Amino acid sequence: MAAATKQHTDIERKPQLELDLGEHVSKWSEIKIEAERAEDFQRGLSLLPSLKIYRAAVCWSIVASFCIVMEGYDTLLLGSLFALPAFARKYGIYSAKTKSYQMQASWQAGLQQAANIGSFFGIWIGAFLVDWFGYKKTILLSLGVVIPFIAMTAFAPSKGVLLAGEVLCGLPWGVFSTLAEAYASEICPISLRGYLLTFVNLCWVIGHLVGAGILRKAAAMTGTWSYRMPFMVQWAWPIPLIALIAFAPESPWWLIRKGRLDQAEKSLRRLAPAQERDQVQDSISAMVRTNQLEIDVKETTSWLSCFRGTDLRRTEISVISWTIQILCGLQFANYSTYFFEQAGLKTIYAFDMTIGLYGAAFIGTCLSWFLISYVGRRTIFVAGLFCLSIGQILIGVLSVVADRGHVGARWGQAGMMIVWLFLYDMTVGPLAYAIVGEISSTRLRNKTVALSRMSYNVFSVGFGVMTPYMLNPLQWHWEGKVGFFWGPICFLCFVWAFFRLPETKGRSYFEIDILFERKISARKFSSTMVERDADEHQRHDLGLTNH
């Protein structure tokens, strides 16, 4: 074992590494023992001891995830502003049919999806920036540029300026949507990974819930401030987040990939200050071992690598798991206030129902934490999709009943939507983040997560353009019968998940790598044992010399 830490070029090029872990110099066999000890320690921790030991990692993960609140807030914002009379008067046209101002469905779709379009490019830019500068600097830069972009939306004199402001805001939101999750997946231990990854979904819900409360207040206001004020509220997030993230530690996994082992050790000490020095060294060894395994089996870490060999399967699972959030009917829920109003509820009641909707979503996400403690990701995700498909069909049936003059069925649709979103945020919503954060290899994580989120945005834009036409009384006017559209699609997602989605609960990234390299079927992931010397067997299969 050499006494000098190898540079990044050595880590990228040499199949056999000789690494100096700070002052502690180990042979490769010792690194393996330390790595196994670290994984066994993390896996054996229950919730409370994990929170005590890794309390700093939990706090920094939460801080990074709170960047998502802004995007969650905005996705609800425009869909609900369409229901505000002052907003409709400013940017809409008078409809003799409804005897009120309505924004054209084409502009509704364009404005609602503008941020997603910007986010698509923001994700791509963020993936490059994080490779060069790391998570911390990339997130700080994105928080800085979002501040002036918010001003464009708040004081937009026309629909065109509002559209441009939304596209520009989408750029940093795209960065947050991927890096917050990837950062959380890299700083938390095995025992807390599921909780902290699903917390990202809770941040979306918090954004929705705050937005619903603000918009409920705005509904009672008149004049331009009724819609300007909700935009301006978004300034409440960037400045405090900049102040906090400026002190955040960099991801130790990112530092390992760059060959900065001493800095990785310092980062781990900040993330788990209660750990002994030997335990920190064990964690470093686990990262080095996993990183080495991925170097052995991957020629490069380019974007094309995500579509080669076993990484193609991992990319498929990651991409589809995230796009399923759209395919099960989430776009429908993003227009909840507008839907409630078109279903016949008064505007003020529509906003009240939206608050109840996202209150139920908040509770559902919190309950998902109890589920993942006892039930695997796969089981929750698959069962959730089946229930959501049934829920969409029921919403459609209630809409048909309401058309026949049953007034109570209108409230029934609203109630069923609350139940649907509660189930979504207890199953598919949060679990998608856990799955995407765990499925990808560590060296391709940023690119795989970016591809998954970009795919999500493509589907979000496509179906987001359709949704206003489905609901708008000047267009297709489907109302709740849109459930007949989403229900069958959701069921097809259930079929895919049953056959293709593997179980990753309690697995280290090293074990997940081995299971994919051995092409274990999705339904056998949880029952397959990974032996201690699995990496040496893998090297032998590849024709490489063992360490």
Protein backbone atom coordinates (compact mmCIF):
# COMPACT_ATOMS: atom_id res chain seq x y z
CA MET A 1 0.00 0.00 0.00
CA ALA A 2 1.57 3.30 -1.01
CA ALA A 3 1.88 6.06 1.54
CA ALA A 4 0.75 8.86 -0.72
CA THR A 5 -2.82 9.63 -1.68
CA LYS A 6 -3.32 9.06 -5.39
CA GLN A 7 -4.61 11.93 -7.50
CA HIS A 8 -7.96 11.97 -9.31
CA THR A 9 -6.35 10.81 -12.56
CA ASP A 10 -5.09 7.67 -10.86
CA ILE A 11 -8.52 6.89 -9.46
CA GLU A 12 -10.08 7.23 -12.88
CA ARG A 13 -7.50 5.16 -14.78
CA LYS A 14 -6.04 2.43 -12.58
CA PRO A 15 -8.06 -0.72 -11.89
CA GLN A 16 -6.11 -1.46 -8.72
CA LEU A 17 -5.90 1.36 -6.19
CA GLU A 18 -3.39 1.93 -3.46
CA LEU A 19 -4.86 4.56 -1.20
CA ASP A 20 -3.67 6.32 1.92
CA LEU A 21 -6.64 6.93 4.21
CA GLY A 22 -5.25 9.96 5.98
CA GLU A 23 -2.76 8.80 8.61
CA HIS A 24 -4.20 5.29 8.57
CA VAL A 25 -2.48 3.22 5.87
CA SER A 26 -4.26 -0.03 5.04
CA LYS A 27 -3.77 -2.93 2.73
CA TRP A 28 -6.62 -3.75 0.38
CA SER A 29 -7.62 -6.76 2.46
CA GLU A 30 -7.89 -4.49 5.49
CA ILE A 31 -9.94 -1.99 3.49
CA LYS A 32 -12.40 -4.76 2.67
CA ILE A 33 -12.70 -5.75 6.34
CA GLU A 34 -13.23 -2.12 7.34
CA ALA A 35 -15.81 -1.65 4.56
CA GLU A 36 -17.78 -4.70 5.69
CA ARG A 37 -17.62 -3.49 9.28
CA ALA A 38 -18.97 -0.06 8.27
CA GLU A 39 -21.87 -1.55 6.31
CA ASP A 40 -22.76 -3.98 9.11
CA PHE A 41 -22.66 -1.13 11.63
CA GLN A 42 -24.93 1.13 9.57
CA ARG A 43 -27.36 -1.65 8.71
CA GLY A 44 -27.65 -2.73 12.34
CA LEU A 45 -28.59 0.69 13.67
CA SER A 46 -32.20 1.36 14.64
CA LEU A 47 -33.81 4.75 14.04
CA LEU A 48 -33.04 6.58 17.29
CA PRO A 49 -29.34 5.61 17.53
CA SER A 50 -28.96 6.53 13.84
CA LEU A 51 -30.44 9.96 14.47
CA LYS A 52 -28.12 10.47 17.42
CA ILE A 53 -24.93 9.45 15.62
CA TYR A 54 -25.74 11.03 12.26
CA ARG A 55 -27.69 14.05 13.52
CA ALA A 56 -25.52 16.48 11.54
CA ALA A 57 -26.05 14.50 8.32
CA VAL A 58 -29.80 14.58 8.95
CA CYS A 59 -29.75 18.36 9.46
CA TRP A 60 -27.71 19.07 6.33
CA SER A 61 -29.86 16.73 4.26
CA ILE A 62 -32.98 18.54 5.46
CA VAL A 63 -31.46 21.95 4.66
CA ALA A 64 -30.56 20.88 1.10
CA SER A 65 -33.97 19.29 0.59
CA PHE A 66 -35.73 22.53 1.59
CA CYS A 67 -34.60 23.98 -1.74
CA ILE A 68 -37.35 21.79 -3.21
CA VAL A 69 -40.02 23.73 -1.28
CA MET A 70 -39.77 26.57 -3.81
CA GLU A 71 -40.49 24.31 -6.77
CA GLY A 72 -43.32 22.57 -4.92
CA TYR A 73 -44.81 25.97 -4.11
CA ASP A 74 -44.64 27.15 -7.71
CA THR A 75 -46.17 24.00 -9.24
CA LEU A 76 -49.30 24.67 -7.19
CA LEU A 77 -49.14 28.44 -7.60
CA LEU A 78 -50.04 28.96 -11.24
CA GLY A 79 -52.61 26.18 -11.38
CA SER A 80 -54.40 27.85 -8.47
CA LEU A 81 -53.91 31.45 -9.65
CA PHE A 82 -56.01 30.59 -12.69
CA ALA A 83 -58.95 30.44 -10.28
CA LEU A 84 -58.32 33.97 -8.90
CA PRO A 85 -60.64 36.58 -10.50
CA ALA A 86 -57.96 39.34 -10.42
CA PHE A 87 -55.39 37.13 -12.16
CA ALA A 88 -57.94 36.10 -14.80
CA ARG A 89 -58.86 39.76 -15.43
CA LYS A 90 -55.17 40.73 -15.83
CA TYR A 91 -54.09 37.93 -18.13
CA GLY A 92 -57.31 36.33 -19.43
CA ILE A 93 -60.24 37.12 -21.71
CA TYR A 94 -63.96 37.50 -21.02
CA SER A 95 -66.04 34.39 -21.75
CA ALA A 96 -69.70 34.90 -22.58
CA LYS A 97 -70.24 31.19 -21.98
CA THR A 98 -69.15 31.28 -18.32
CA LYS A 99 -69.86 35.03 -17.86
CA SER A 100 -66.42 35.44 -16.28
CA TYR A 101 -62.81 36.03 -17.21
CA GLN A 102 -60.92 32.91 -18.23
CA MET A 103 -57.33 32.42 -19.36
CA GLN A 104 -57.12 30.53 -22.62
CA ALA A 105 -56.21 26.87 -22.22
CA SER A 106 -53.14 27.34 -24.45
CA TRP A 107 -51.76 30.03 -22.12
CA GLN A 108 -52.69 28.01 -19.06
CA ALA A 109 -50.71 25.09 -20.42
CA GLY A 110 -47.79 27.27 -21.48
CA LEU A 111 -47.47 29.09 -18.17
CA GLN A 112 -47.93 25.94 -16.11
CA GLN A 113 -45.22 24.11 -18.05
CA ALA A 114 -42.79 27.01 -18.55
CA ALA A 115 -40.93 26.22 -15.34
CA ASN A 116 -40.71 22.55 -16.35
CA ILE A 117 -39.11 23.55 -19.64
CA GLY A 118 -36.58 25.71 -17.82
CA SER A 119 -36.07 22.93 -15.29
CA PHE A 120 -35.22 20.49 -18.08
CA PHE A 121 -32.23 22.59 -19.08
CA GLY A 122 -31.41 23.42 -15.46
CA ILE A 123 -31.08 19.71 -14.68
CA TRP A 124 -28.66 19.24 -17.57
CA ILE A 125 -26.59 22.28 -16.59
CA GLY A 126 -26.57 21.22 -12.93
CA ALA A 127 -25.24 17.76 -13.78
CA PHE A 128 -22.20 19.33 -15.46
CA LEU A 129 -21.65 21.92 -12.73
CA VAL A 130 -21.72 19.38 -9.91
CA ASP A 131 -19.08 17.27 -11.67
CA TRP A 132 -16.79 20.27 -11.76
CA PHE A 133 -17.59 22.19 -8.57
CA GLY A 134 -19.44 19.80 -6.26
CA TYR A 135 -22.89 19.95 -4.69
CA LYS A 136 -22.35 22.87 -2.34
CA LYS A 137 -21.11 25.47 -4.84
CA THR A 138 -23.65 24.44 -7.47
CA ILE A 139 -26.59 24.79 -5.08
CA LEU A 140 -25.30 28.16 -3.80
CA LEU A 141 -25.00 29.51 -7.35
CA SER A 142 -28.54 28.37 -8.16
CA LEU A 143 -29.97 30.00 -5.03
CA GLY A 144 -28.29 33.27 -6.00
CA VAL A 145 -29.71 33.47 -9.52
CA VAL A 146 -33.29 32.58 -8.55
CA ILE A 147 -33.77 35.85 -6.61
CA PRO A 148 -33.99 38.24 -9.62
CA PHE A 149 -35.97 35.69 -11.63
CA ILE A 150 -38.73 35.72 -8.99
CA ALA A 151 -39.08 39.49 -9.49
CA MET A 152 -39.92 38.92 -13.18
CA THR A 153 -42.89 36.74 -12.27
CA ALA A 154 -44.15 39.00 -9.47
CA PHE A 155 -44.23 42.19 -11.56
CA ALA A 156 -44.82 40.77 -15.04
CA PRO A 157 -46.70 43.38 -17.12
CA SER A 158 -47.84 40.79 -19.65
CA LYS A 159 -48.30 37.09 -20.18
CA GLY A 160 -45.10 36.99 -22.23
CA VAL A 161 -42.94 38.38 -19.42
CA LEU A 162 -44.63 36.04 -16.94
CA LEU A 163 -43.85 33.12 -19.23
CA ALA A 164 -40.18 34.17 -19.55
CA GLY A 165 -39.90 34.57 -15.78
CA GLU A 166 -41.25 31.08 -15.20
CA VAL A 167 -38.78 29.57 -17.69
CA LEU A 168 -35.86 31.34 -15.98
CA CYS A 169 -37.03 30.31 -12.51
CA GLY A 170 -37.14 26.74 -13.78
CA LEU A 171 -33.37 26.73 -14.41
CA PRO A 172 -32.30 26.78 -10.73
CA TRP A 173 -35.31 24.66 -9.74
CA GLY A 174 -34.03 22.00 -12.10
CA VAL A 175 -30.73 22.03 -10.23
CA PHE A 176 -32.49 21.69 -6.87
CA SER A 177 -34.77 18.89 -8.06
CA THR A 178 -31.84 16.54 -8.69
CA LEU A 179 -28.98 17.69 -6.48
CA ALA A 180 -31.00 17.81 -3.26
CA GLU A 181 -31.88 14.14 -3.65
CA ALA A 182 -28.42 13.06 -4.81
CA TYR A 183 -26.78 14.97 -1.94
CA ALA A 184 -29.10 13.33 0.60
CA SER A 185 -28.36 9.88 -0.81
CA GLU A 186 -24.61 10.45 -0.42
CA ILE A 187 -24.40 11.88 3.10
CA CYS A 188 -26.77 9.59 5.01
CA PRO A 189 -26.16 6.03 6.29
CA ILE A 190 -28.04 2.92 5.16
CA SER A 191 -30.34 3.04 8.19
CA LEU A 192 -31.54 6.60 7.41
CA ARG A 193 -31.40 6.61 3.61
CA GLY A 194 -35.07 5.82 3.06
CA TYR A 195 -36.26 8.47 5.53
CA LEU A 196 -34.09 11.28 4.18
CA LEU A 197 -34.76 10.50 0.52
CA THR A 198 -38.52 10.41 1.07
CA PHE A 199 -38.23 13.69 3.00
CA VAL A 200 -37.62 15.30 -0.40
CA ASN A 201 -41.23 14.45 -1.26
CA LEU A 202 -42.36 16.03 2.01
CA CYS A 203 -40.64 19.25 0.92
CA TRP A 204 -42.77 19.21 -2.22
CA VAL A 205 -45.85 18.77 -0.06
CA ILE A 206 -44.74 21.57 2.29
CA GLY A 207 -44.40 23.83 -0.74
CA HIS A 208 -47.88 22.85 -1.88
CA LEU A 209 -49.33 23.32 1.61
CA VAL A 210 -47.73 26.75 2.10
CA GLY A 211 -48.93 27.72 -1.36
CA ALA A 212 -52.47 26.59 -0.60
CA GLY A 213 -52.51 28.67 2.60
CA ILE A 214 -51.10 31.76 0.88
CA LEU A 215 -53.54 31.43 -1.99
CA ARG A 216 -56.45 30.98 0.41
CA LYS A 217 -55.51 34.36 1.87
CA ALA A 218 -55.07 35.83 -1.61
CA ALA A 219 -58.54 34.63 -2.61
CA ALA A 220 -60.03 37.10 -0.13
CA MET A 221 -57.99 39.99 -1.59
CA THR A 222 -58.80 42.19 -4.57
CA GLY A 223 -56.59 43.93 -7.09
CA THR A 224 -53.18 43.04 -8.46
CA TRP A 225 -51.67 42.24 -5.05
CA SER A 226 -53.90 39.18 -4.79
CA TYR A 227 -51.63 37.45 -7.32
CA ARG A 228 -48.39 39.43 -6.90
CA MET A 229 -48.10 38.63 -3.21
CA PRO A 230 -48.03 34.83 -3.74
CA PHE A 231 -45.14 35.25 -6.20
CA MET A 232 -43.21 37.50 -3.80
CA VAL A 233 -43.51 34.99 -0.96
CA GLN A 234 -40.92 32.90 -2.83
CA TRP A 235 -38.22 35.35 -1.70
CA ALA A 236 -38.58 33.91 1.80
CA TRP A 237 -36.44 30.86 0.87
CA PRO A 238 -33.24 31.75 -1.02
CA ILE A 239 -31.48 34.09 1.44
CA PRO A 240 -31.74 31.90 4.59
CA LEU A 241 -30.85 28.82 2.54
CA ILE A 242 -27.75 30.55 1.15
CA ALA A 243 -26.68 31.43 4.70
CA LEU A 244 -27.06 27.81 5.83
CA ILE A 245 -25.67 25.94 2.83
CA ALA A 246 -22.55 28.15 2.85
CA PHE A 247 -21.50 26.12 5.91
CA ALA A 248 -22.60 22.68 4.62
CA PRO A 249 -20.02 19.90 4.14
CA GLU A 250 -19.37 18.59 0.65
CA SER A 251 -20.53 15.07 -0.19
CA PRO A 252 -17.81 12.59 0.90
CA TRP A 253 -18.71 10.38 -2.08
CA TRP A 254 -18.01 13.26 -4.46
CA LEU A 255 -14.67 13.89 -2.72
CA ILE A 256 -13.78 10.18 -2.96
CA ARG A 257 -14.51 10.23 -6.70
CA LYS A 258 -12.18 13.23 -7.01
CA GLY A 259 -9.43 11.49 -5.02
CA ARG A 260 -9.61 13.93 -2.08
CA LEU A 261 -9.57 11.36 0.71
CA ASP A 262 -8.40 13.71 3.46
CA GLN A 263 -11.25 16.11 2.67
CA ALA A 264 -13.70 13.20 2.52
CA GLU A 265 -12.62 12.17 6.01
CA LYS A 266 -13.14 15.72 7.31
CA SER A 267 -16.58 15.82 5.68
CA LEU A 268 -17.57 12.53 7.34
CA ARG A 269 -16.42 13.85 10.72
CA ARG A 270 -18.73 16.82 10.30
CA LEU A 271 -21.62 14.61 9.20
CA ALA A 272 -21.21 12.16 12.11
CA PRO A 273 -19.34 14.00 14.91
CA ALA A 274 -20.25 11.30 17.45
CA GLN A 275 -18.34 8.61 15.55
CA GLU A 276 -14.92 7.38 16.64
CA ARG A 277 -11.97 7.86 14.29
CA ASP A 278 -11.87 4.15 13.44
CA GLN A 279 -15.56 4.23 12.46
CA VAL A 280 -14.92 7.17 10.15
CA GLN A 281 -12.05 5.25 8.55
CA ASP A 282 -14.34 2.26 8.11
CA SER A 283 -16.84 4.45 6.25
CA ILE A 284 -14.09 5.82 4.01
CA SER A 285 -13.02 2.26 3.23
CA ALA A 286 -16.60 1.31 2.30
CA MET A 287 -16.75 4.23 -0.14
CA VAL A 288 -13.34 3.42 -1.61
CA ARG A 289 -14.30 -0.23 -2.09
CA THR A 290 -17.58 0.60 -3.82
CA ASN A 291 -15.90 3.26 -5.96
CA GLN A 292 -13.24 0.73 -6.98
CA LEU A 293 -15.84 -1.89 -7.92
CA GLU A 294 -17.55 0.61 -10.19
CA ILE A 295 -14.23 1.60 -11.76
CA ASP A 296 -13.59 -2.08 -12.50
CA VAL A 297 -16.89 -2.62 -14.30
CA LYS A 298 -17.25 0.76 -16.08
CA GLU A 299 -15.04 2.07 -18.84
CA THR A 300 -16.13 5.69 -18.40
CA THR A 301 -18.61 7.83 -16.50
CA SER A 302 -20.02 9.57 -19.58
CA TRP A 303 -23.70 10.14 -20.28
CA LEU A 304 -23.63 7.21 -22.71
CA SER A 305 -22.46 4.94 -19.89
CA CYS A 306 -25.97 5.21 -18.42
CA PHE A 307 -27.21 3.22 -21.43
CA ARG A 308 -24.54 0.52 -21.48
CA GLY A 309 -24.45 -2.90 -19.84
CA THR A 310 -26.21 -3.27 -16.51
CA ASP A 311 -26.44 0.52 -16.16
CA LEU A 312 -29.09 0.51 -18.90
CA ARG A 313 -31.35 -1.51 -16.60
CA ARG A 314 -30.60 0.84 -13.70
CA THR A 315 -31.38 3.85 -15.87
CA GLU A 316 -34.66 2.26 -17.01
CA ILE A 317 -35.77 1.66 -13.41
CA SER A 318 -34.74 5.13 -12.29
CA VAL A 319 -36.36 6.92 -15.25
CA ILE A 320 -39.65 5.03 -15.18
CA SER A 321 -39.97 5.14 -11.37
CA TRP A 322 -39.81 8.92 -11.47
CA THR A 323 -42.01 9.41 -14.55
CA ILE A 324 -44.62 7.18 -12.91
CA GLN A 325 -45.33 10.13 -10.63
CA ILE A 326 -46.75 11.86 -13.71
CA LEU A 327 -48.23 8.77 -15.36
CA CYS A 328 -50.37 7.88 -12.35
CA GLY A 329 -52.21 11.24 -12.61
CA LEU A 330 -50.31 13.77 -10.49
CA GLN A 331 -50.83 16.56 -13.05
CA PHE A 332 -54.53 16.30 -12.28
CA ALA A 333 -53.82 17.08 -8.61
CA ASN A 334 -51.67 20.11 -9.50
CA TYR A 335 -54.82 21.75 -10.87
CA SER A 336 -56.83 20.86 -7.77
CA THR A 337 -58.22 24.34 -6.99
CA TYR A 338 -59.18 24.91 -10.61
CA PHE A 339 -60.70 21.41 -10.76
CA PHE A 340 -62.74 21.97 -7.61
CA GLU A 341 -64.03 25.26 -9.02
CA GLN A 342 -64.94 23.72 -12.38
CA ALA A 343 -66.64 20.87 -10.50
CA GLY A 344 -69.06 23.43 -9.06
CA LEU A 345 -67.55 24.54 -5.73
CA LYS A 346 -67.35 28.24 -4.91
CA THR A 347 -63.86 29.76 -5.26
CA ILE A 348 -63.36 30.15 -1.50
CA TYR A 349 -64.44 26.54 -0.88
CA ALA A 350 -62.16 25.37 -3.69
CA PHE A 351 -59.17 26.92 -1.90
CA ASP A 352 -60.30 25.41 1.42
CA MET A 353 -60.46 21.98 -0.18
CA THR A 354 -56.97 22.48 -1.62
CA ILE A 355 -55.60 23.17 1.87
CA GLY A 356 -57.26 19.97 3.06
CA LEU A 357 -55.85 18.13 0.04
CA TYR A 358 -52.24 19.00 0.84
CA GLY A 359 -52.78 18.58 4.56
CA ALA A 360 -53.71 14.97 3.77
CA ALA A 361 -50.62 14.72 1.53
CA PHE A 362 -48.42 15.90 4.41
CA ILE A 363 -49.86 13.26 6.73
CA GLY A 364 -49.49 10.61 4.03
CA THR A 365 -45.78 11.34 3.55
CA CYS A 366 -45.16 11.19 7.30
CA LEU A 367 -46.95 7.83 7.46
CA SER A 368 -44.71 6.55 4.65
CA TRP A 369 -41.78 6.77 7.09
CA PHE A 370 -43.46 4.20 9.31
CA LEU A 371 -44.18 1.98 6.32
CA ILE A 372 -40.60 1.95 5.04
CA SER A 373 -39.41 0.88 8.49
CA TYR A 374 -41.23 -2.43 8.13
CA VAL A 375 -42.11 -2.85 4.44
CA GLY A 376 -39.84 -2.80 1.40
CA ARG A 377 -39.78 -0.04 -1.20
CA ARG A 378 -41.02 -2.41 -3.91
CA THR A 379 -44.06 -3.59 -1.93
CA ILE A 380 -45.18 -0.06 -1.05
CA PHE A 381 -44.66 1.23 -4.59
CA VAL A 382 -46.47 -1.65 -6.33
CA ALA A 383 -49.41 -1.69 -3.89
CA GLY A 384 -49.69 2.08 -4.12
CA LEU A 385 -49.99 2.04 -7.91
CA PHE A 386 -52.78 -0.53 -7.77
CA CYS A 387 -54.76 1.57 -5.27
CA LEU A 388 -54.18 4.79 -7.22
CA SER A 389 -55.51 3.26 -10.43
CA ILE A 390 -58.72 2.27 -8.62
CA GLY A 391 -58.97 5.77 -7.11
CA GLN A 392 -58.81 7.45 -10.51
CA ILE A 393 -61.61 5.26 -11.84
CA LEU A 394 -63.77 6.15 -8.81
CA ILE A 395 -63.24 9.87 -9.46
CA GLY A 396 -64.46 9.33 -13.02
CA VAL A 397 -67.54 7.40 -11.83
CA LEU A 398 -68.44 10.17 -9.35
CA SER A 399 -68.16 12.74 -12.15
CA VAL A 400 -70.68 10.79 -14.24
CA VAL A 401 -73.03 10.63 -11.24
CA ALA A 402 -72.63 14.40 -10.67
CA ASP A 403 -73.61 15.10 -14.28
CA ARG A 404 -76.92 13.40 -13.57
CA GLY A 405 -77.83 16.00 -10.96
CA HIS A 406 -76.47 14.48 -7.74
CA VAL A 407 -74.99 17.53 -5.99
CA GLY A 408 -73.35 15.39 -3.30
CA ALA A 409 -71.27 13.66 -5.97
CA ARG A 410 -69.40 16.92 -6.59
CA TRP A 411 -68.24 16.93 -2.98
CA GLY A 412 -67.59 13.22 -3.39
CA GLN A 413 -65.14 13.95 -6.23
CA ALA A 414 -63.33 16.47 -4.04
CA GLY A 415 -63.20 14.00 -1.16
CA MET A 416 -61.95 11.21 -3.41
CA MET A 417 -59.19 13.45 -4.73
CA ILE A 418 -58.06 14.06 -1.14
CA VAL A 419 -58.02 10.30 -0.50
CA TRP A 420 -56.14 9.75 -3.76
CA LEU A 421 -53.42 12.28 -2.96
CA PHE A 422 -53.15 10.90 0.59
CA LEU A 423 -52.45 7.44 -0.87
CA TYR A 424 -50.08 8.87 -3.46
CA ASP A 425 -48.00 10.67 -0.84
CA MET A 426 -47.92 7.60 1.36
CA THR A 427 -46.68 5.33 -1.44
CA VAL A 428 -45.59 6.33 -4.95
CA GLY A 429 -44.75 9.97 -4.23
CA PRO A 430 -42.06 9.54 -1.55
CA LEU A 431 -40.90 6.06 -2.59
CA ALA A 432 -39.95 7.26 -6.07
CA TYR A 433 -37.30 9.47 -4.48
CA ALA A 434 -35.92 6.58 -2.43
CA ILE A 435 -35.81 4.31 -5.49
CA VAL A 436 -34.12 6.85 -7.77
CA GLY A 437 -31.60 7.78 -5.08
CA GLU A 438 -30.60 4.15 -4.46
CA ILE A 439 -30.81 2.43 -7.86
CA SER A 440 -28.07 4.28 -9.74
CA SER A 441 -24.37 3.51 -9.32
CA THR A 442 -22.49 6.06 -7.23
CA ARG A 443 -20.21 7.14 -10.09
CA LEU A 444 -23.14 7.69 -12.47
CA ARG A 445 -25.59 8.97 -9.85
CA ASN A 446 -25.72 12.62 -10.91
CA LYS A 447 -26.20 11.71 -14.56
CA THR A 448 -28.77 8.96 -13.88
CA VAL A 449 -30.78 11.20 -11.55
CA ALA A 450 -30.55 14.01 -14.12
CA LEU A 451 -31.79 11.75 -16.93
CA SER A 452 -34.63 10.56 -14.71
CA ARG A 453 -35.72 14.06 -13.80
CA MET A 454 -35.44 15.29 -17.38
CA SER A 455 -37.66 12.39 -18.44
CA TYR A 456 -40.07 13.36 -15.67
CA ASN A 457 -40.14 16.92 -17.02
CA VAL A 458 -40.78 15.76 -20.59
CA PHE A 459 -43.83 13.78 -19.47
CA SER A 460 -44.84 16.60 -17.13
CA VAL A 461 -44.81 19.10 -19.98
CA GLY A 462 -46.63 16.76 -22.36
CA PHE A 463 -49.44 15.81 -20.01
CA GLY A 464 -49.36 19.25 -18.40
CA VAL A 465 -50.28 20.79 -21.74
CA MET A 466 -53.19 18.35 -22.03
CA THR A 467 -54.57 18.82 -18.50
CA PRO A 468 -55.96 22.37 -18.94
CA TYR A 469 -57.75 21.21 -22.08
CA MET A 470 -59.22 18.30 -20.13
CA LEU A 471 -60.58 20.61 -17.41
CA ASN A 472 -61.22 23.94 -19.15
CA PRO A 473 -64.96 24.54 -19.82
CA LEU A 474 -64.03 26.26 -23.10
CA GLN A 475 -62.24 23.12 -24.32
CA TRP A 476 -62.84 19.41 -23.62
CA HIS A 477 -64.55 19.99 -20.26
CA TRP A 478 -63.97 16.43 -18.97
CA GLU A 479 -64.07 17.50 -15.31
CA GLY A 480 -63.68 14.41 -13.09
CA LYS A 481 -64.06 12.05 -16.03
CA VAL A 482 -60.34 12.62 -16.55
CA GLY A 483 -60.03 9.75 -14.05
CA PHE A 484 -61.03 7.36 -16.85
CA PHE A 485 -57.92 8.56 -18.71
CA TRP A 486 -55.42 8.27 -15.84
CA GLY A 487 -56.76 5.06 -14.27
CA PRO A 488 -55.74 2.64 -17.07
CA ILE A 489 -52.33 4.32 -17.48
CA CYS A 490 -51.73 3.96 -13.76
CA PHE A 491 -52.62 0.26 -13.95
CA LEU A 492 -50.04 -0.27 -16.72
CA CYS A 493 -47.46 1.32 -14.41
CA PHE A 494 -48.47 -1.20 -11.74
CA VAL A 495 -47.78 -4.06 -14.16
CA TRP A 496 -44.34 -2.66 -15.02
CA ALA A 497 -43.40 -2.20 -11.36
CA PHE A 498 -44.48 -5.74 -10.47
CA PHE A 499 -42.08 -7.27 -12.99
CA ARG A 500 -39.22 -4.75 -13.17
CA LEU A 501 -38.82 -2.95 -9.84
CA PRO A 502 -36.24 -4.53 -7.45
CA GLU A 503 -36.11 -4.23 -3.65
CA THR A 504 -33.22 -2.15 -2.24
CA LYS A 505 -34.27 -1.82 1.40
CA GLY A 506 -31.32 -2.38 3.76
CA ARG A 507 -28.82 -2.82 0.93
CA SER A 508 -25.50 -0.98 0.75
CA TYR A 509 -24.48 0.61 -2.54
CA PHE A 510 -21.81 -2.10 -2.84
CA GLU A 511 -24.44 -4.85 -2.59
CA ILE A 512 -26.74 -3.11 -5.07
CA ASP A 513 -23.84 -2.89 -7.54
CA ILE A 514 -23.15 -6.62 -7.20
CA LEU A 515 -26.82 -7.61 -7.61
CA PHE A 516 -27.12 -5.60 -10.82
CA GLU A 517 -23.84 -6.91 -12.20
CA ARG A 518 -25.10 -10.46 -11.61
CA LYS A 519 -28.37 -9.57 -13.38
CA ILE A 520 -30.54 -10.78 -10.49
CA SER A 521 -34.25 -10.52 -11.39
CA ALA A 522 -36.32 -7.83 -9.69
CA ARG A 523 -38.41 -10.28 -7.66
CA LYS A 524 -35.31 -12.08 -6.32
CA PHE A 525 -33.38 -8.99 -5.21
CA SER A 526 -34.51 -9.12 -1.58
CA SER A 527 -33.79 -12.84 -1.11
CA THR A 528 -30.38 -12.99 -2.82
CA MET A 529 -27.36 -13.07 -0.52
CA VAL A 530 -24.21 -11.12 -1.41
CA GLU A 531 -21.05 -12.83 -0.13
CA ARG A 532 -18.19 -10.93 1.48
CA ASP A 533 -15.77 -11.47 -1.43
CA ALA A 534 -18.31 -10.62 -4.12
CA ASP A 535 -16.10 -7.92 -5.61
CA GLU A 536 -13.17 -10.32 -6.02
CA HIS A 537 -15.45 -12.81 -7.77
CA GLN A 538 -16.64 -9.97 -10.00
CA ARG A 539 -13.07 -9.02 -10.88
CA HIS A 540 -12.31 -12.65 -11.69
CA ASP A 541 -15.31 -12.78 -14.04
CA LEU A 542 -14.02 -9.64 -15.75
CA GLY A 543 -10.56 -11.17 -16.16
CA LEU A 544 -8.91 -8.65 -13.82
CA THR A 545 -6.20 -9.42 -11.29
CA ASN A 546 -7.46 -9.60 -7.72
CA HIS A 547 -6.14 -7.17 -5.14
